[in-house]
Amino acid sequence: MIQAQGLCKSYDGTAVLADLDLEVRQGEIFAFVGPNGAGKSTFLKCVLGVVRADAGSIRVGEVDALRLSLQARRQIGYAPGETSLYQGLRADQFLRFAIAFHQHADLDRGLELLDAFGLPRRQRVKGFSHGMKRKLLLAQAFATRAPILMLDEPMEGLDPDARRLIESMLTEAAAQGRTVFFSSHDLASVERVADRVAFLRGGRILEIGTVEQILERASRVLLMHFREEVGEDSLPTDDNFEWSGQGHRWRLAYSGPLESVLSRLQHLPLAGIRDGSGRLEEVFEALYGPEDVGVGNPTPPQEEVA
């Protein structure tokens, strides 16, 4: 349903998307994760035509999205990450305005979602909190009845009950044959609902696969913190060892018995060691490191989203 090839986008000479290839299939739930500035939102906006790509191609269904942007956009229910909305509109007025572009939109469904989210239909948007605005954007995206849902940080600012409701709605949409593409920092939600996930950094995909595949590949990982900086030449080498990191923090992917691995590490100035397997949070930390969270390419200029 979404296919990008060689997609590139730069701001002021800094690459935000770098020759990115990606394919999202019909009926799957696909998640983009990565630190701030990784290029997640920019990719979504390029697909929608809100941001113009510098190079590459994008297809939405059978439509060339770069050449026929409006036609491609009619297939997408979009909830942007920004919550700068028309402040003078009531919630029900904004809903009607937002879904009018879509031929098969379901206003009644949208109004039901306002009620389910606890949003007063006749209250003006200017009186809404950040989380309420997020829910309003999600309600209109689902109410479009578009075959593709593109949601930028849909869980951000939501309470646990609202997150669980959104997760069930995503699963239901995919079961109905709709394609769901969302970016998120909420890795627990990603792990619960996504069929496939891609880890993005600097506009490039570091890792992609089903949640099960990624967790399996990360099933034998140790994360180490040393009391002093350690160079790679000081680390034990082995055909079954794969080191990554620098200074005080290193990651070891290994094969073979854990006991034999630990015996090889006894001479190192370890301050702490823990199992890095089993959860997407650990995969994220292993790929980026805690020092990279929130660090990446500069945030691109804000685009006006209708």
C-alpha atoms as a PDB file:
ATOM      1  CA  MET A   1       0.000   0.000   0.000  1.00  0.00           C
ATOM      2  CA  ILE A   2       2.968   2.342   0.577  1.00  0.00           C
ATOM      3  CA  GLN A   3       6.208   1.965  -1.330  1.00  0.00           C
ATOM      4  CA  ALA A   4       9.158   4.369  -1.156  1.00  0.00           C
ATOM      5  CA  GLN A   5      12.393   4.004  -3.096  1.00  0.00           C
ATOM      6  CA  GLY A   6      15.524   6.110  -2.778  1.00  0.00           C
ATOM      7  CA  LEU A   7      13.680   8.770  -0.788  1.00  0.00           C
ATOM      8  CA  CYS A   8      15.822  11.777   0.153  1.00  0.00           C
ATOM      9  CA  LYS A   9      15.052  14.988   2.011  1.00  0.00           C
ATOM     10  CA  SER A  10      17.399  17.607   3.437  1.00  0.00           C
ATOM     11  CA  TYR A  11      16.957  20.793   5.423  1.00  0.00           C
ATOM     12  CA  ASP A  12      19.693  23.416   5.171  1.00  0.00           C
ATOM     13  CA  GLY A  13      22.126  20.837   3.864  1.00  0.00           C
ATOM     14  CA  THR A  14      21.408  18.296   6.621  1.00  0.00           C
ATOM     15  CA  ALA A  15      19.983  14.965   5.407  1.00  0.00           C
ATOM     16  CA  VAL A  16      16.774  13.986   7.211  1.00  0.00           C
ATOM     17  CA  LEU A  17      15.936  11.117   4.848  1.00  0.00           C
ATOM     18  CA  ALA A  18      18.875   9.427   3.151  1.00  0.00           C
ATOM     19  CA  ASP A  19      18.097   7.142   0.208  1.00  0.00           C
ATOM     20  CA  LEU A  20      15.365   5.366   2.172  1.00  0.00           C
ATOM     21  CA  ASP A  21      13.600   2.281   0.776  1.00  0.00           C
ATOM     22  CA  LEU A  22      10.452   0.978   2.461  1.00  0.00           C
ATOM     23  CA  GLU A  23       7.371  -1.070   1.651  1.00  0.00           C
ATOM     24  CA  VAL A  24       4.258  -1.291   3.847  1.00  0.00           C
ATOM     25  CA  ARG A  25       1.750  -4.013   3.018  1.00  0.00           C
ATOM     26  CA  GLN A  26      -2.007  -3.967   3.002  1.00  0.00           C
ATOM     27  CA  GLY A  27      -3.619  -4.949   6.302  1.00  0.00           C
ATOM     28  CA  GLU A  28      -0.467  -4.763   8.403  1.00  0.00           C
ATOM     29  CA  ILE A  29       0.376  -2.557  11.344  1.00  0.00           C
ATOM     30  CA  PHE A  30       3.771  -1.008  10.692  1.00  0.00           C
ATOM     31  CA  ALA A  31       5.641   1.061  13.287  1.00  0.00           C
ATOM     32  CA  PHE A  32       8.457   3.578  12.894  1.00  0.00           C
ATOM     33  CA  VAL A  33      10.629   4.131  15.972  1.00  0.00           C
ATOM     34  CA  GLY A  34      13.743   6.146  16.616  1.00  0.00           C
ATOM     35  CA  PRO A  35      15.054   9.169  18.531  1.00  0.00           C
ATOM     36  CA  ASN A  36      13.840  12.687  17.876  1.00  0.00           C
ATOM     37  CA  GLY A  37      15.087  13.960  14.531  1.00  0.00           C
ATOM     38  CA  ALA A  38      15.461  10.479  13.046  1.00  0.00           C
ATOM     39  CA  GLY A  39      13.209  11.374  10.094  1.00  0.00           C
ATOM     40  CA  LYS A  40       9.993   9.615  11.134  1.00  0.00           C
ATOM     41  CA  SER A  41       7.631  12.585  10.805  1.00  0.00           C
ATOM     42  CA  THR A  42       9.344  13.819   7.656  1.00  0.00           C
ATOM     43  CA  PHE A  43       8.756  10.475   5.963  1.00  0.00           C
ATOM     44  CA  LEU A  44       5.054  10.550   6.802  1.00  0.00           C
ATOM     45  CA  LYS A  45       4.754  14.111   5.509  1.00  0.00           C
ATOM     46  CA  CYS A  46       6.550  13.213   2.272  1.00  0.00           C
ATOM     47  CA  VAL A  47       4.032  10.427   1.668  1.00  0.00           C
ATOM     48  CA  LEU A  48       1.201  12.913   2.230  1.00  0.00           C
ATOM     49  CA  GLY A  49       2.739  15.639   0.105  1.00  0.00           C
ATOM     50  CA  VAL A  50       2.926  18.042   3.041  1.00  0.00           C
ATOM     51  CA  VAL A  51       6.712  18.001   2.548  1.00  0.00           C
ATOM     52  CA  ARG A  52       8.211  17.644  -0.926  1.00  0.00           C
ATOM     53  CA  ALA A  53      10.947  15.011  -1.203  1.00  0.00           C
ATOM     54  CA  ASP A  54      14.203  16.030  -2.869  1.00  0.00           C
ATOM     55  CA  ALA A  55      14.620  12.725  -4.681  1.00  0.00           C
ATOM     56  CA  GLY A  56      13.165   9.229  -4.922  1.00  0.00           C
ATOM     57  CA  SER A  57       9.672   7.868  -5.502  1.00  0.00           C
ATOM     58  CA  ILE A  58       6.578   7.156  -3.408  1.00  0.00           C
ATOM     59  CA  ARG A  59       3.569   5.097  -4.374  1.00  0.00           C
ATOM     60  CA  VAL A  60       0.351   4.922  -2.368  1.00  0.00           C
ATOM     61  CA  GLY A  61      -1.583   1.968  -3.717  1.00  0.00           C
ATOM     62  CA  GLU A  62      -1.315   2.429  -7.474  1.00  0.00           C
ATOM     63  CA  VAL A  63      -0.874   6.214  -7.240  1.00  0.00           C
ATOM     64  CA  ASP A  64       2.362   8.116  -7.794  1.00  0.00           C
ATOM     65  CA  ALA A  65       2.213  10.195  -4.617  1.00  0.00           C
ATOM     66  CA  LEU A  66       4.830  12.702  -5.746  1.00  0.00           C
ATOM     67  CA  ARG A  67       2.983  13.494  -8.970  1.00  0.00           C
ATOM     68  CA  LEU A  68      -0.634  13.050  -7.801  1.00  0.00           C
ATOM     69  CA  SER A  69      -0.427  14.143  -4.181  1.00  0.00           C
ATOM     70  CA  LEU A  70      -4.121  14.905  -3.623  1.00  0.00           C
ATOM     71  CA  GLN A  71      -5.206  11.609  -5.152  1.00  0.00           C
ATOM     72  CA  ALA A  72      -2.791   9.746  -2.874  1.00  0.00           C
ATOM     73  CA  ARG A  73      -3.892  11.721   0.165  1.00  0.00           C
ATOM     74  CA  ARG A  74      -7.528  10.709  -0.329  1.00  0.00           C
ATOM     75  CA  GLN A  75      -6.464   7.174   0.558  1.00  0.00           C
ATOM     76  CA  ILE A  76      -4.970   8.223   3.895  1.00  0.00           C
ATOM     77  CA  GLY A  77      -6.481   9.118   7.257  1.00  0.00           C
ATOM     78  CA  TYR A  78      -3.767  11.233   8.860  1.00  0.00           C
ATOM     79  CA  ALA A  79      -3.241  12.339  12.453  1.00  0.00           C
ATOM     80  CA  PRO A  80      -0.216  14.684  12.587  1.00  0.00           C
ATOM     81  CA  GLY A  81       2.122  14.934  15.536  1.00  0.00           C
ATOM     82  CA  GLU A  82       1.502  18.671  15.850  1.00  0.00           C
ATOM     83  CA  THR A  83      -1.656  19.694  17.677  1.00  0.00           C
ATOM     84  CA  SER A  84      -1.932  23.259  16.334  1.00  0.00           C
ATOM     85  CA  LEU A  85      -5.607  23.223  15.372  1.00  0.00           C
ATOM     86  CA  TYR A  86      -8.255  25.797  14.510  1.00  0.00           C
ATOM     87  CA  GLN A  87      -8.928  27.138  17.984  1.00  0.00           C
ATOM     88  CA  GLY A  88     -12.311  28.738  17.275  1.00  0.00           C
ATOM     89  CA  LEU A  89     -14.000  25.564  16.022  1.00  0.00           C
ATOM     90  CA  ARG A  90     -16.041  23.271  18.249  1.00  0.00           C
ATOM     91  CA  ALA A  91     -14.933  19.618  18.347  1.00  0.00           C
ATOM     92  CA  ASP A  92     -17.815  18.483  16.122  1.00  0.00           C
ATOM     93  CA  GLN A  93     -17.165  21.336  13.668  1.00  0.00           C
ATOM     94  CA  PHE A  94     -13.500  20.436  13.417  1.00  0.00           C
ATOM     95  CA  LEU A  95     -14.440  16.802  12.840  1.00  0.00           C
ATOM     96  CA  ARG A  96     -16.776  17.706   9.964  1.00  0.00           C
ATOM     97  CA  PHE A  97     -14.141  20.000   8.447  1.00  0.00           C
ATOM     98  CA  ALA A  98     -11.313  17.464   8.714  1.00  0.00           C
ATOM     99  CA  ILE A  99     -13.141  14.505   7.139  1.00  0.00           C
ATOM    100  CA  ALA A 100     -14.956  16.437   4.364  1.00  0.00           C
ATOM    101  CA  PHE A 101     -12.046  15.735   1.988  1.00  0.00           C
ATOM    102  CA  HIS A 102     -12.710  11.972   2.145  1.00  0.00           C
ATOM    103  CA  GLN A 103     -15.442  10.464  -0.011  1.00  0.00           C
ATOM    104  CA  HIS A 104     -16.316   7.577   2.327  1.00  0.00           C
ATOM    105  CA  ALA A 105     -15.942   9.397   5.641  1.00  0.00           C
ATOM    106  CA  ASP A 106     -18.273   8.353   8.459  1.00  0.00           C
ATOM    107  CA  LEU A 107     -19.352  11.337  10.548  1.00  0.00           C
ATOM    108  CA  ASP A 108     -21.403   9.203  12.927  1.00  0.00           C
ATOM    109  CA  ARG A 109     -18.350   7.067  13.670  1.00  0.00           C
ATOM    110  CA  GLY A 110     -16.325  10.201  14.324  1.00  0.00           C
ATOM    111  CA  LEU A 111     -18.919  11.542  16.746  1.00  0.00           C
ATOM    112  CA  GLU A 112     -18.995   8.178  18.519  1.00  0.00           C
ATOM    113  CA  LEU A 113     -15.232   8.396  18.944  1.00  0.00           C
ATOM    114  CA  LEU A 114     -15.501  11.904  20.411  1.00  0.00           C
ATOM    115  CA  ASP A 115     -17.828  10.445  23.023  1.00  0.00           C
ATOM    116  CA  ALA A 116     -15.592   7.403  23.598  1.00  0.00           C
ATOM    117  CA  PHE A 117     -12.615   9.710  24.150  1.00  0.00           C
ATOM    118  CA  GLY A 118     -14.604  11.884  26.544  1.00  0.00           C
ATOM    119  CA  LEU A 119     -14.422  14.946  24.269  1.00  0.00           C
ATOM    120  CA  PRO A 120     -17.345  17.395  24.597  1.00  0.00           C
ATOM    121  CA  ARG A 121     -18.746  17.718  21.087  1.00  0.00           C
ATOM    122  CA  ARG A 122     -19.660  21.402  21.408  1.00  0.00           C
ATOM    123  CA  GLN A 123     -16.594  22.620  23.296  1.00  0.00           C
ATOM    124  CA  ARG A 124     -14.197  24.813  21.326  1.00  0.00           C
ATOM    125  CA  VAL A 125     -10.767  23.441  20.548  1.00  0.00           C
ATOM    126  CA  LYS A 126      -9.058  26.356  22.316  1.00  0.00           C
ATOM    127  CA  GLY A 127     -10.297  24.904  25.618  1.00  0.00           C
ATOM    128  CA  PHE A 128      -8.798  21.464  24.954  1.00  0.00           C
ATOM    129  CA  SER A 129      -5.661  20.147  26.613  1.00  0.00           C
ATOM    130  CA  HIS A 130      -2.834  18.675  24.563  1.00  0.00           C
ATOM    131  CA  GLY A 131      -4.101  15.149  25.162  1.00  0.00           C
ATOM    132  CA  MET A 132      -7.660  16.110  24.171  1.00  0.00           C
ATOM    133  CA  LYS A 133      -6.396  17.596  20.903  1.00  0.00           C
ATOM    134  CA  ARG A 134      -4.478  14.372  20.246  1.00  0.00           C
ATOM    135  CA  LYS A 135      -7.706  12.398  20.701  1.00  0.00           C
ATOM    136  CA  LEU A 136      -9.581  14.755  18.363  1.00  0.00           C
ATOM    137  CA  LEU A 137      -6.979  14.239  15.657  1.00  0.00           C
ATOM    138  CA  LEU A 138      -7.180  10.479  16.090  1.00  0.00           C
ATOM    139  CA  ALA A 139     -10.981  10.547  15.938  1.00  0.00           C
ATOM    140  CA  GLN A 140     -10.971  12.348  12.593  1.00  0.00           C
ATOM    141  CA  ALA A 141      -8.294  10.041  11.160  1.00  0.00           C
ATOM    142  CA  PHE A 142     -10.322   6.922  11.955  1.00  0.00           C
ATOM    143  CA  ALA A 143     -13.566   8.564  10.798  1.00  0.00           C
ATOM    144  CA  THR A 144     -12.182   9.133   7.286  1.00  0.00           C
ATOM    145  CA  ARG A 145     -12.644   5.412   6.604  1.00  0.00           C
ATOM    146  CA  ALA A 146      -9.572   5.723   4.382  1.00  0.00           C
ATOM    147  CA  PRO A 147      -7.824   2.428   3.558  1.00  0.00           C
ATOM    148  CA  ILE A 148      -4.569   3.703   5.094  1.00  0.00           C
ATOM    149  CA  LEU A 149      -4.078   5.220   8.548  1.00  0.00           C
ATOM    150  CA  MET A 150      -0.919   7.296   9.097  1.00  0.00           C
ATOM    151  CA  LEU A 151      -0.553   8.361  12.725  1.00  0.00           C
ATOM    152  CA  ASP A 152       2.362  10.416  14.019  1.00  0.00           C
ATOM    153  CA  GLU A 153       2.956   9.664  17.727  1.00  0.00           C
ATOM    154  CA  PRO A 154      -0.658   8.602  18.392  1.00  0.00           C
ATOM    155  CA  MET A 155       0.041   7.587  22.008  1.00  0.00           C
ATOM    156  CA  GLU A 156       1.821  10.809  22.993  1.00  0.00           C
ATOM    157  CA  GLY A 157       0.094  12.668  25.808  1.00  0.00           C
ATOM    158  CA  LEU A 158      -2.557   9.989  26.366  1.00  0.00           C
ATOM    159  CA  ASP A 159      -3.478   8.301  29.632  1.00  0.00           C
ATOM    160  CA  PRO A 160      -3.229   4.478  29.904  1.00  0.00           C
ATOM    161  CA  ASP A 161      -6.956   3.916  29.280  1.00  0.00           C
ATOM    162  CA  ALA A 162      -6.848   5.983  26.078  1.00  0.00           C
ATOM    163  CA  ARG A 163      -3.722   4.130  24.924  1.00  0.00           C
ATOM    164  CA  ARG A 164      -5.420   0.787  25.372  1.00  0.00           C
ATOM    165  CA  LEU A 165      -8.420   2.048  23.407  1.00  0.00           C
ATOM    166  CA  ILE A 166      -6.203   3.242  20.557  1.00  0.00           C
ATOM    167  CA  GLU A 167      -4.322  -0.069  20.526  1.00  0.00           C
ATOM    168  CA  SER A 168      -7.603  -1.979  20.174  1.00  0.00           C
ATOM    169  CA  MET A 169      -8.721   0.388  17.407  1.00  0.00           C
ATOM    170  CA  LEU A 170      -5.471  -0.151  15.493  1.00  0.00           C
ATOM    171  CA  THR A 171      -5.844  -3.919  15.766  1.00  0.00           C
ATOM    172  CA  GLU A 172      -9.462  -3.724  14.648  1.00  0.00           C
ATOM    173  CA  ALA A 173      -8.597  -1.516  11.672  1.00  0.00           C
ATOM    174  CA  ALA A 174      -5.937  -3.972  10.481  1.00  0.00           C
ATOM    175  CA  ALA A 175      -8.353  -6.882  10.896  1.00  0.00           C
ATOM    176  CA  GLN A 176     -10.708  -5.024   8.560  1.00  0.00           C
ATOM    177  CA  GLY A 177      -7.971  -4.834   5.917  1.00  0.00           C
ATOM    178  CA  ARG A 178      -6.846  -1.262   6.564  1.00  0.00           C
ATOM    179  CA  THR A 179      -3.142  -0.506   6.559  1.00  0.00           C
ATOM    180  CA  VAL A 180      -1.804   1.175   9.695  1.00  0.00           C
ATOM    181  CA  PHE A 181       1.469   3.119   9.675  1.00  0.00           C
ATOM    182  CA  PHE A 182       2.411   4.901  12.890  1.00  0.00           C
ATOM    183  CA  SER A 183       5.466   6.408  14.521  1.00  0.00           C
ATOM    184  CA  SER A 184       5.894   6.152  18.251  1.00  0.00           C
ATOM    185  CA  HIS A 185       8.201   6.482  21.230  1.00  0.00           C
ATOM    186  CA  ASP A 186       5.871   4.174  23.166  1.00  0.00           C
ATOM    187  CA  LEU A 187       7.762   0.947  22.548  1.00  0.00           C
ATOM    188  CA  ALA A 188       5.493  -1.089  24.805  1.00  0.00           C
ATOM    189  CA  SER A 189       2.531  -0.230  22.572  1.00  0.00           C
ATOM    190  CA  VAL A 190       4.584  -0.942  19.462  1.00  0.00           C
ATOM    191  CA  GLU A 191       5.473  -4.346  20.819  1.00  0.00           C
ATOM    192  CA  ARG A 192       1.836  -5.134  21.623  1.00  0.00           C
ATOM    193  CA  VAL A 193       0.226  -4.160  18.315  1.00  0.00           C
ATOM    194  CA  ALA A 194       2.775  -3.886  15.479  1.00  0.00           C
ATOM    195  CA  ASP A 195       3.269  -6.609  12.908  1.00  0.00           C
ATOM    196  CA  ARG A 196       6.537  -5.085  11.714  1.00  0.00           C
ATOM    197  CA  VAL A 197       8.785  -2.355  13.048  1.00  0.00           C
ATOM    198  CA  ALA A 198      11.620  -0.292  11.595  1.00  0.00           C
ATOM    199  CA  PHE A 199      14.264   1.487  13.680  1.00  0.00           C
ATOM    200  CA  LEU A 200      15.255   4.756  12.020  1.00  0.00           C
ATOM    201  CA  ARG A 201      18.269   6.981  12.572  1.00  0.00           C
ATOM    202  CA  GLY A 202      19.548   9.841  10.477  1.00  0.00           C
ATOM    203  CA  GLY A 203      16.990   9.043   7.808  1.00  0.00           C
ATOM    204  CA  ARG A 204      18.252   5.475   7.401  1.00  0.00           C
ATOM    205  CA  ILE A 205      16.748   2.193   8.573  1.00  0.00           C
ATOM    206  CA  LEU A 206      19.002   0.450  11.083  1.00  0.00           C
ATOM    207  CA  GLU A 207      16.804  -2.591  11.673  1.00  0.00           C
ATOM    208  CA  ILE A 208      13.533  -3.824  10.202  1.00  0.00           C
ATOM    209  CA  GLY A 209      11.435  -6.953  10.633  1.00  0.00           C
ATOM    210  CA  THR A 210       8.577  -8.437  12.573  1.00  0.00           C
ATOM    211  CA  VAL A 211       8.627  -7.813  16.303  1.00  0.00           C
ATOM    212  CA  GLU A 212       9.338 -11.519  16.787  1.00  0.00           C
ATOM    213  CA  GLN A 213      12.285 -11.457  14.366  1.00  0.00           C
ATOM    214  CA  ILE A 214      13.859  -8.413  15.985  1.00  0.00           C
ATOM    215  CA  LEU A 215      13.492  -9.795  19.485  1.00  0.00           C
ATOM    216  CA  GLU A 216      14.918 -13.130  18.352  1.00  0.00           C
ATOM    217  CA  ARG A 217      17.950 -11.408  16.804  1.00  0.00           C
ATOM    218  CA  ALA A 218      18.438  -9.552  20.085  1.00  0.00           C
ATOM    219  CA  SER A 219      17.943 -12.640  22.220  1.00  0.00           C
ATOM    220  CA  ARG A 220      21.599 -12.947  23.196  1.00  0.00           C
ATOM    221  CA  VAL A 221      22.814  -9.473  24.065  1.00  0.00           C
ATOM    222  CA  LEU A 222      24.672  -8.112  27.085  1.00  0.00           C
ATOM    223  CA  LEU A 223      24.763  -4.399  27.886  1.00  0.00           C
ATOM    224  CA  MET A 224      27.832  -3.342  29.877  1.00  0.00           C
ATOM    225  CA  HIS A 225      28.839  -0.216  31.758  1.00  0.00           C
ATOM    226  CA  PHE A 226      32.530   0.080  32.671  1.00  0.00           C
ATOM    227  CA  ARG A 227      34.092   2.054  35.518  1.00  0.00           C
ATOM    228  CA  GLU A 228      36.551   3.580  33.062  1.00  0.00           C
ATOM    229  CA  GLU A 229      36.737   4.045  29.318  1.00  0.00           C
ATOM    230  CA  VAL A 230      37.564   0.849  27.467  1.00  0.00           C
ATOM    231  CA  GLY A 231      38.978   0.654  23.956  1.00  0.00           C
ATOM    232  CA  GLU A 232      37.955  -2.025  21.499  1.00  0.00           C
ATOM    233  CA  ASP A 233      41.474  -3.485  21.569  1.00  0.00           C
ATOM    234  CA  SER A 234      40.963  -4.296  25.281  1.00  0.00           C
ATOM    235  CA  LEU A 235      37.836  -6.374  24.676  1.00  0.00           C
ATOM    236  CA  PRO A 236      38.031 -10.159  24.239  1.00  0.00           C
ATOM    237  CA  THR A 237      37.643 -11.281  20.629  1.00  0.00           C
ATOM    238  CA  ASP A 238      35.895 -14.386  19.425  1.00  0.00           C
ATOM    239  CA  ASP A 239      34.130 -15.572  16.280  1.00  0.00           C
ATOM    240  CA  ASN A 240      30.981 -15.689  18.419  1.00  0.00           C
ATOM    241  CA  PHE A 241      31.373 -12.096  19.720  1.00  0.00           C
ATOM    242  CA  GLU A 242      30.149  -8.898  18.090  1.00  0.00           C
ATOM    243  CA  TRP A 243      30.994  -5.707  19.971  1.00  0.00           C
ATOM    244  CA  SER A 244      29.484  -2.253  19.476  1.00  0.00           C
ATOM    245  CA  GLY A 245      29.759   0.918  21.517  1.00  0.00           C
ATOM    246  CA  GLN A 246      32.550   3.064  22.881  1.00  0.00           C
ATOM    247  CA  GLY A 247      34.060   4.462  26.071  1.00  0.00           C
ATOM    248  CA  HIS A 248      32.149   3.425  29.162  1.00  0.00           C
ATOM    249  CA  ARG A 249      29.263   1.643  27.393  1.00  0.00           C
ATOM    250  CA  TRP A 250      29.489  -1.439  25.204  1.00  0.00           C
ATOM    251  CA  ARG A 251      27.040  -3.934  23.760  1.00  0.00           C
ATOM    252  CA  LEU A 252      27.975  -7.566  23.143  1.00  0.00           C
ATOM    253  CA  ALA A 253      25.965  -9.821  20.852  1.00  0.00           C
ATOM    254  CA  TYR A 254      27.103 -13.381  21.399  1.00  0.00           C
ATOM    255  CA  SER A 255      26.400 -17.016  20.725  1.00  0.00           C
ATOM    256  CA  GLY A 256      27.218 -19.999  22.880  1.00  0.00           C
ATOM    257  CA  PRO A 257      26.788 -20.645  26.617  1.00  0.00           C
ATOM    258  CA  LEU A 258      26.432 -17.555  28.788  1.00  0.00           C
ATOM    259  CA  GLU A 259      28.762 -19.007  31.430  1.00  0.00           C
ATOM    260  CA  SER A 260      31.701 -19.166  29.024  1.00  0.00           C
ATOM    261  CA  VAL A 261      31.007 -15.620  27.846  1.00  0.00           C
ATOM    262  CA  LEU A 262      31.013 -14.254  31.414  1.00  0.00           C
ATOM    263  CA  SER A 263      34.286 -15.996  32.154  1.00  0.00           C
ATOM    264  CA  ARG A 264      35.867 -14.084  29.252  1.00  0.00           C
ATOM    265  CA  LEU A 265      34.729 -10.781  30.750  1.00  0.00           C
ATOM    266  CA  GLN A 266      36.143 -11.204  34.263  1.00  0.00           C
ATOM    267  CA  HIS A 267      39.270  -9.107  33.651  1.00  0.00           C
ATOM    268  CA  LEU A 268      37.296  -6.059  32.469  1.00  0.00           C
ATOM    269  CA  PRO A 269      36.508  -3.097  34.828  1.00  0.00           C
ATOM    270  CA  LEU A 270      32.788  -3.794  34.883  1.00  0.00           C
ATOM    271  CA  ALA A 271      30.550  -1.394  36.809  1.00  0.00           C
ATOM    272  CA  GLY A 272      27.372  -3.085  35.678  1.00  0.00           C
ATOM    273  CA  ILE A 273      26.084  -5.691  33.263  1.00  0.00           C
ATOM    274  CA  ARG A 274      22.576  -6.659  32.288  1.00  0.00           C
ATOM    275  CA  ASP A 275      20.684  -8.767  29.846  1.00  0.00           C
ATOM    276  CA  GLY A 276      19.797  -6.675  26.785  1.00  0.00           C
ATOM    277  CA  SER A 277      17.322  -9.119  25.314  1.00  0.00           C
ATOM    278  CA  GLY A 278      13.623  -9.664  25.371  1.00  0.00           C
ATOM    279  CA  ARG A 279      12.003  -6.203  24.926  1.00  0.00           C
ATOM    280  CA  LEU A 280      11.990  -3.513  22.273  1.00  0.00           C
ATOM    281  CA  GLU A 281      13.171  -1.009  24.889  1.00  0.00           C
ATOM    282  CA  GLU A 282      16.414  -2.970  25.169  1.00  0.00           C
ATOM    283  CA  VAL A 283      16.754  -3.168  21.388  1.00  0.00           C
ATOM    284  CA  PHE A 284      16.280   0.614  21.206  1.00  0.00           C
ATOM    285  CA  GLU A 285      18.959   1.246  23.807  1.00  0.00           C
ATOM    286  CA  ALA A 286      21.308  -1.198  22.119  1.00  0.00           C
ATOM    287  CA  LEU A 287      20.884   0.499  18.734  1.00  0.00           C
ATOM    288  CA  TYR A 288      21.045   4.101  19.897  1.00  0.00           C
ATOM    289  CA  GLY A 289      22.425   4.190  23.440  1.00  0.00           C
ATOM    290  CA  PRO A 290      20.894   6.328  26.201  1.00  0.00           C
ATOM    291  CA  GLU A 291      23.010   9.312  25.159  1.00  0.00           C
ATOM    292  CA  ASP A 292      21.292   9.353  21.751  1.00  0.00           C
ATOM    293  CA  VAL A 293      17.728   9.484  23.001  1.00  0.00           C
ATOM    294  CA  GLY A 294      16.278  12.781  21.836  1.00  0.00           C
ATOM    295  CA  VAL A 295      19.382  13.531  19.753  1.00  0.00           C
ATOM    296  CA  GLY A 296      19.405  13.366  16.007  1.00  0.00           C
ATOM    297  CA  ASN A 297      19.029  15.579  13.003  1.00  0.00           C
ATOM    298  CA  PRO A 298      17.752  19.103  13.626  1.00  0.00           C
ATOM    299  CA  THR A 299      13.979  19.351  13.855  1.00  0.00           C
ATOM    300  CA  PRO A 300      12.754  20.412  10.423  1.00  0.00           C
ATOM    301  CA  PRO A 301      10.652  23.540  10.008  1.00  0.00           C
ATOM    302  CA  GLN A 302       7.018  23.104  10.994  1.00  0.00           C
ATOM    303  CA  GLU A 303       4.661  22.647   8.061  1.00  0.00           C
ATOM    304  CA  GLU A 304       1.072  23.831   8.108  1.00  0.00           C
ATOM    305  CA  VAL A 305      -1.244  20.825   8.115  1.00  0.00           C
ATOM    306  CA  ALA A 306      -4.790  21.206   6.899  1.00  0.00           C
END
